[in-house]
């Protein structure tokens, strides 16, 4: 596991261009090099290519970035990525790895505000190609995106006015968008989690338009363009922004904030039926949430 960048707040925001590699076999950490590393930032995205981590975008006190870097853990080296034809600098966008390209979608920039633009980055050619906006979902940030094997599926998010239960499927082969159905879709939300199971996208958690932390979600089948709600029986308490992974037969969610910072989670079985299994218990230590850095935050 490789972590990089971010910030913390102690009355002033501090941004990092440092990180570390964690080896579960040895339970040990190794620091990532800072030589030629991207500028310190948070709200960036990162993808794993199979041999490199690519980070892009984000912000610090000096503004929004359309820069990034490729990190090779084998050599502990950074290589800057091109900005020619790159999307505008932004934060709270999504990124997926297709197997050959990193695709960026949405977010918030200083040009138009909330975006429905994006780009495809080819690390072999070190080049960008813009993605079509014809038929693209409405501009948004704090949404989710998954890669299905042939399409990038984005869903949810906000433009600071609407909290979306809409989304779209983008095909890089045809540079075209197809809207996702809203029939039986989960309630609109932002700061939720999403995973790809191999045949379906599962979205869960997040906050709705009333800032209520949700423990609901849905399974989306792109083949049938249809939704099925996830069970709430034994589901973890509502939260955001939780993390989620797909194990091959279960979605595991953990952590987040839901009135307090949580060290609980759950396992959701999407194949044999909705049978969430709680894990751990919440650490109920109410404390004020840090004031966020200047960025699009719904009132």
Protein backbone atom coordinates (compact mmCIF):
# COMPACT_ATOMS: atom_id res chain seq x y z
CA UNK A 1 0.00 0.00 0.00
CA UNK A 2 1.31 3.46 -0.93
CA UNK A 3 0.02 6.65 0.67
CA UNK A 4 1.06 10.16 -0.36
CA UNK A 5 0.23 13.82 0.21
CA UNK A 6 -2.64 15.26 2.24
CA UNK A 7 -2.87 17.90 4.94
CA UNK A 8 -3.67 18.47 8.58
CA UNK A 9 -5.16 21.48 10.36
CA UNK A 10 -4.00 22.96 13.67
CA UNK A 11 -5.32 26.46 13.11
CA UNK A 12 -3.28 26.58 9.90
CA UNK A 13 -3.31 24.05 7.08
CA UNK A 14 -0.10 22.09 6.51
CA UNK A 15 0.32 20.28 3.18
CA UNK A 16 2.60 17.33 2.41
CA UNK A 17 4.56 15.95 -0.52
CA UNK A 18 5.71 12.99 1.58
CA UNK A 19 4.35 9.48 1.86
CA UNK A 20 5.15 5.88 2.60
CA UNK A 21 4.99 2.30 1.36
CA UNK A 22 3.50 -0.26 3.75
CA UNK A 23 4.45 -3.93 3.48
CA UNK A 24 1.87 -6.14 5.26
CA UNK A 25 4.21 -9.13 5.16
CA UNK A 26 6.77 -7.36 7.36
CA UNK A 27 4.34 -4.91 8.98
CA UNK A 28 6.83 -2.19 8.05
CA UNK A 29 6.88 1.24 6.39
CA UNK A 30 9.37 2.71 3.90
CA UNK A 31 9.30 6.45 3.16
CA UNK A 32 8.69 7.61 -0.40
CA UNK A 33 11.32 9.89 -1.92
CA UNK A 34 10.64 13.63 -2.10
CA UNK A 35 13.16 14.17 -4.93
CA UNK A 36 11.17 15.47 -7.94
CA UNK A 37 7.94 14.70 -6.07
CA UNK A 38 4.89 16.81 -6.96
CA UNK A 39 4.21 19.96 -4.94
CA UNK A 40 2.65 19.35 -1.52
CA UNK A 41 -1.15 19.18 -1.78
CA UNK A 42 -4.39 17.52 -0.75
CA UNK A 43 -7.67 16.59 -2.50
CA UNK A 44 -5.61 14.96 -5.27
CA UNK A 45 -6.45 11.65 -6.94
CA UNK A 46 -4.22 8.58 -7.27
CA UNK A 47 -4.34 5.40 -9.35
CA UNK A 48 -2.16 2.28 -9.51
CA UNK A 49 -1.02 1.16 -12.96
CA UNK A 50 0.48 -2.18 -11.97
CA UNK A 51 3.97 -0.72 -11.67
CA UNK A 52 3.53 2.97 -10.76
CA UNK A 53 1.29 5.23 -8.70
CA UNK A 54 0.06 8.29 -10.61
CA UNK A 55 -1.13 11.29 -8.58
CA UNK A 56 -2.80 14.32 -10.16
CA UNK A 57 -4.62 17.54 -9.28
CA UNK A 58 -5.52 18.82 -5.84
CA UNK A 59 -4.77 22.06 -4.04
CA UNK A 60 -2.77 23.91 -1.44
CA UNK A 61 -2.84 27.50 -0.22
CA UNK A 62 -1.36 28.68 -3.53
CA UNK A 63 -4.21 27.32 -5.66
CA UNK A 64 -5.40 24.36 -7.70
CA UNK A 65 -3.09 22.05 -9.65
CA UNK A 66 -3.21 20.43 -13.09
CA UNK A 67 0.14 18.83 -12.34
CA UNK A 68 1.08 15.42 -11.02
CA UNK A 69 3.68 12.72 -10.95
CA UNK A 70 4.40 9.05 -11.50
CA UNK A 71 5.97 7.22 -8.56
CA UNK A 72 7.87 3.97 -9.14
CA UNK A 73 8.21 2.02 -5.87
CA UNK A 74 10.84 -0.30 -7.35
CA UNK A 75 13.27 2.60 -7.89
CA UNK A 76 11.76 5.00 -5.32
CA UNK A 77 11.72 7.67 -8.06
CA UNK A 78 9.25 10.33 -9.22
CA UNK A 79 8.67 11.50 -12.80
CA UNK A 80 6.57 14.58 -13.56
CA UNK A 81 3.64 14.11 -15.95
CA UNK A 82 2.93 16.44 -18.83
CA UNK A 83 0.54 19.38 -18.48
CA UNK A 84 0.09 19.79 -22.25
CA UNK A 85 -3.65 19.41 -22.97
CA UNK A 86 -4.22 18.38 -19.34
CA UNK A 87 -7.57 19.23 -17.72
CA UNK A 88 -7.78 22.50 -15.81
CA UNK A 89 -6.36 22.41 -12.29
CA UNK A 90 -9.01 21.11 -9.90
CA UNK A 91 -9.87 19.28 -6.70
CA UNK A 92 -12.40 16.66 -5.63
CA UNK A 93 -12.37 15.01 -9.06
CA UNK A 94 -12.36 11.24 -9.63
CA UNK A 95 -9.75 9.08 -11.33
CA UNK A 96 -9.79 5.49 -12.60
CA UNK A 97 -7.16 3.29 -14.26
CA UNK A 98 -8.34 1.51 -17.42
CA UNK A 99 -5.36 -0.79 -17.84
CA UNK A 100 -3.60 1.65 -20.17
CA UNK A 101 -4.79 5.15 -19.21
CA UNK A 102 -5.75 7.23 -16.19
CA UNK A 103 -9.10 8.94 -16.68
CA UNK A 104 -10.01 12.10 -14.74
CA UNK A 105 -13.60 13.30 -14.43
CA UNK A 106 -15.38 16.27 -12.85
CA UNK A 107 -14.26 18.22 -9.81
CA UNK A 108 -14.05 21.94 -9.07
CA UNK A 109 -11.74 24.39 -10.88
CA UNK A 110 -11.14 28.14 -10.93
CA UNK A 111 -12.38 28.55 -14.52
CA UNK A 112 -15.98 27.32 -14.56
CA UNK A 113 -16.37 26.08 -10.98
CA UNK A 114 -17.96 22.64 -10.98
CA UNK A 115 -16.82 20.67 -14.04
CA UNK A 116 -18.18 18.01 -16.35
CA UNK A 117 -14.87 17.90 -18.20
CA UNK A 118 -12.05 15.43 -17.92
CA UNK A 119 -9.11 13.83 -19.64
CA UNK A 120 -7.34 10.59 -20.45
CA UNK A 121 -3.64 10.38 -19.55
CA UNK A 122 -1.41 7.83 -21.28
CA UNK A 123 1.72 7.31 -19.14
CA UNK A 124 3.59 5.52 -21.94
CA UNK A 125 3.24 8.51 -24.27
CA UNK A 126 3.12 11.05 -21.41
CA UNK A 127 0.16 12.68 -23.17
CA UNK A 128 -3.40 13.86 -22.47
CA UNK A 129 -6.59 13.61 -24.54
CA UNK A 130 -9.75 15.46 -23.52
CA UNK A 131 -12.91 13.42 -22.88
CA UNK A 132 -16.13 14.38 -24.66
CA UNK A 133 -18.71 16.43 -22.80
CA UNK A 134 -21.53 15.53 -25.22
CA UNK A 135 -24.12 13.70 -23.14
CA UNK A 136 -21.88 13.90 -20.07
CA UNK A 137 -23.50 14.03 -16.61
CA UNK A 138 -24.06 17.44 -15.04
CA UNK A 139 -20.98 19.16 -13.61
CA UNK A 140 -20.18 17.92 -10.11
CA UNK A 141 -17.55 17.13 -7.49
CA UNK A 142 -17.26 14.70 -4.58
CA UNK A 143 -18.83 11.95 -6.72
CA UNK A 144 -17.49 8.41 -7.24
CA UNK A 145 -16.13 6.55 -10.24
CA UNK A 146 -15.38 2.90 -11.00
CA UNK A 147 -13.89 1.13 -14.01
CA UNK A 148 -16.01 -1.76 -15.31
CA UNK A 149 -13.46 -3.19 -17.70
CA UNK A 150 -14.86 -1.25 -20.64
CA UNK A 151 -16.47 1.87 -19.17
CA UNK A 152 -15.91 4.46 -16.45
CA UNK A 153 -19.10 4.77 -14.39
CA UNK A 154 -19.54 7.93 -12.34
CA UNK A 155 -22.39 8.59 -9.93
CA UNK A 156 -23.62 11.02 -7.27
CA UNK A 157 -21.81 14.12 -6.05
CA UNK A 158 -22.84 17.76 -5.76
CA UNK A 159 -22.62 21.13 -7.49
CA UNK A 160 -23.33 22.96 -4.23
CA UNK A 161 -27.01 23.26 -5.25
CA UNK A 162 -28.09 19.76 -6.24
CA UNK A 163 -27.12 16.45 -4.64
CA UNK A 164 -27.21 13.99 -7.51
CA UNK A 165 -28.62 10.49 -7.87
CA UNK A 166 -27.60 10.64 -11.51
CA UNK A 167 -24.49 9.45 -13.29
CA UNK A 168 -23.05 8.30 -16.58
CA UNK A 169 -21.07 5.57 -18.30
CA UNK A 170 -18.14 6.74 -20.40
CA UNK A 171 -16.64 4.55 -23.12
CA UNK A 172 -13.07 5.54 -24.01
CA UNK A 173 -13.29 3.45 -27.19
CA UNK A 174 -16.10 5.61 -28.61
CA UNK A 175 -15.47 8.77 -26.53
CA UNK A 176 -19.17 8.77 -25.64
CA UNK A 177 -21.45 8.95 -22.60
CA UNK A 178 -24.59 7.00 -21.66
CA UNK A 179 -26.74 8.20 -18.73
CA UNK A 180 -27.36 5.83 -15.82
CA UNK A 181 -30.98 5.15 -14.89
CA UNK A 182 -32.51 6.93 -11.91
CA UNK A 183 -35.29 4.35 -11.49
CA UNK A 184 -34.85 2.82 -8.01
CA UNK A 185 -31.49 4.61 -7.69
CA UNK A 186 -30.35 5.52 -4.17
CA UNK A 187 -31.18 8.98 -2.88
CA UNK A 188 -28.80 11.67 -4.13
CA UNK A 189 -25.62 11.96 -2.07
CA UNK A 190 -21.99 13.03 -1.92
CA UNK A 191 -18.87 11.79 -0.08
CA UNK A 192 -20.08 8.20 -0.49
CA UNK A 193 -18.07 5.11 -1.44
CA UNK A 194 -18.24 2.93 -4.55
CA UNK A 195 -16.75 -0.40 -5.65
CA UNK A 196 -16.90 -2.56 -8.78
CA UNK A 197 -17.75 -6.22 -8.20
CA UNK A 198 -16.91 -7.51 -11.65
CA UNK A 199 -20.48 -7.11 -12.86
CA UNK A 200 -22.06 -4.34 -10.76
CA UNK A 201 -21.22 -1.03 -9.12
CA UNK A 202 -22.14 -0.76 -5.44
CA UNK A 203 -22.51 2.68 -3.88
CA UNK A 204 -22.96 3.14 -0.14
CA UNK A 205 -22.98 5.76 2.60
CA UNK A 206 -22.25 9.45 2.20
CA UNK A 207 -24.46 12.43 3.03
CA UNK A 208 -27.73 13.59 1.52
CA UNK A 209 -28.91 17.12 0.76
CA UNK A 210 -29.81 17.63 4.43
CA UNK A 211 -26.30 16.62 5.54
CA UNK A 212 -27.69 13.42 7.07
CA UNK A 213 -25.13 10.59 7.13
CA UNK A 214 -26.54 7.61 5.22
CA UNK A 215 -26.24 3.85 5.71
CA UNK A 216 -28.10 3.07 2.50
CA UNK A 217 -26.88 2.30 -0.99
CA UNK A 218 -27.56 0.49 -4.22
CA UNK A 219 -26.24 -2.03 -6.73
CA UNK A 220 -26.12 -0.81 -10.34
CA UNK A 221 -26.01 -3.26 -13.24
CA UNK A 222 -24.75 -1.53 -16.41
CA UNK A 223 -25.87 -4.43 -18.61
CA UNK A 224 -29.51 -3.87 -17.64
CA UNK A 225 -29.16 -0.20 -16.60
CA UNK A 226 -30.97 -1.07 -13.37
CA UNK A 227 -30.64 -0.53 -9.62
CA UNK A 228 -31.34 -2.76 -6.59
CA UNK A 229 -31.19 -1.29 -3.08
CA UNK A 230 -28.65 -2.66 -0.61
CA UNK A 231 -30.03 -4.07 2.64
CA UNK A 232 -29.90 -1.95 5.78
CA UNK A 233 -30.23 -4.97 8.08
CA UNK A 234 -27.16 -4.95 10.35
CA UNK A 235 -25.62 -2.25 8.16
CA UNK A 236 -22.99 0.00 9.74
CA UNK A 237 -24.13 3.39 10.99
CA UNK A 238 -24.37 6.18 8.43
CA UNK A 239 -21.07 7.87 7.66
CA UNK A 240 -18.81 9.78 5.28
CA UNK A 241 -16.28 9.72 3.75
CA UNK A 242 -15.90 6.02 4.44
CA UNK A 243 -13.52 3.78 2.53
CA UNK A 244 -14.60 0.66 0.67
CA UNK A 245 -12.88 -2.22 -1.13
CA UNK A 246 -14.13 -5.28 -3.04
CA UNK A 247 -12.60 -8.58 -1.92
CA UNK A 248 -13.91 -10.73 -4.74
CA UNK A 249 -17.15 -11.63 -2.95
CA UNK A 250 -17.76 -8.89 -0.37
CA UNK A 251 -17.61 -5.13 -0.06
CA UNK A 252 -15.87 -4.03 3.13
CA UNK A 253 -16.52 -0.50 4.39
CA UNK A 254 -14.67 1.05 7.31
CA UNK A 255 -14.21 4.34 9.15
CA UNK A 256 -15.58 7.77 8.33
CA UNK A 257 -17.49 10.39 10.29
CA UNK A 258 -21.08 10.12 11.46
CA UNK A 259 -21.41 12.46 14.42
CA UNK A 260 -18.09 11.15 15.70
CA UNK A 261 -15.01 9.64 14.10
CA UNK A 262 -15.62 5.92 13.64
CA UNK A 263 -13.42 2.85 13.84
CA UNK A 264 -16.23 0.52 12.80
CA UNK A 265 -17.32 -1.00 9.51
CA UNK A 266 -19.09 -3.89 7.87
CA UNK A 267 -18.91 -6.59 5.22
CA UNK A 268 -21.63 -6.61 2.56
CA UNK A 269 -22.16 -9.76 0.53
CA UNK A 270 -23.58 -8.80 -2.84
CA UNK A 271 -23.58 -12.25 -4.43
CA UNK A 272 -25.40 -14.57 -2.06
CA UNK A 273 -27.73 -11.85 -0.84
CA UNK A 274 -27.63 -8.69 1.23
CA UNK A 275 -26.20 -9.91 4.52
CA UNK A 276 -24.06 -7.15 6.03
CA UNK A 277 -21.90 -8.23 8.96
CA UNK A 278 -20.89 -5.55 11.46
CA UNK A 279 -17.23 -5.25 12.39
CA UNK A 280 -15.81 -3.68 15.55
CA UNK A 281 -17.69 -0.97 17.42
CA UNK A 282 -17.77 2.82 17.08
CA UNK A 283 -15.26 4.80 19.07
CA UNK A 284 -17.62 7.43 20.43
CA UNK A 285 -15.35 10.37 21.15
CA UNK A 286 -17.26 13.45 20.04
CA UNK A 287 -14.97 16.21 18.94
CA UNK A 288 -15.38 19.13 16.58
CA UNK A 289 -14.59 18.38 12.97
CA UNK A 290 -11.69 20.46 11.60
CA UNK A 291 -12.67 23.52 9.62
CA UNK A 292 -12.17 22.55 5.97
CA UNK A 293 -9.68 24.34 3.75
CA UNK A 294 -11.16 26.74 1.16
CA UNK A 295 -12.94 24.46 -1.27
CA UNK A 296 -16.48 23.91 -2.53
CA UNK A 297 -18.41 22.85 0.57
CA UNK A 298 -22.24 22.87 0.50
CA UNK A 299 -23.64 25.35 3.00
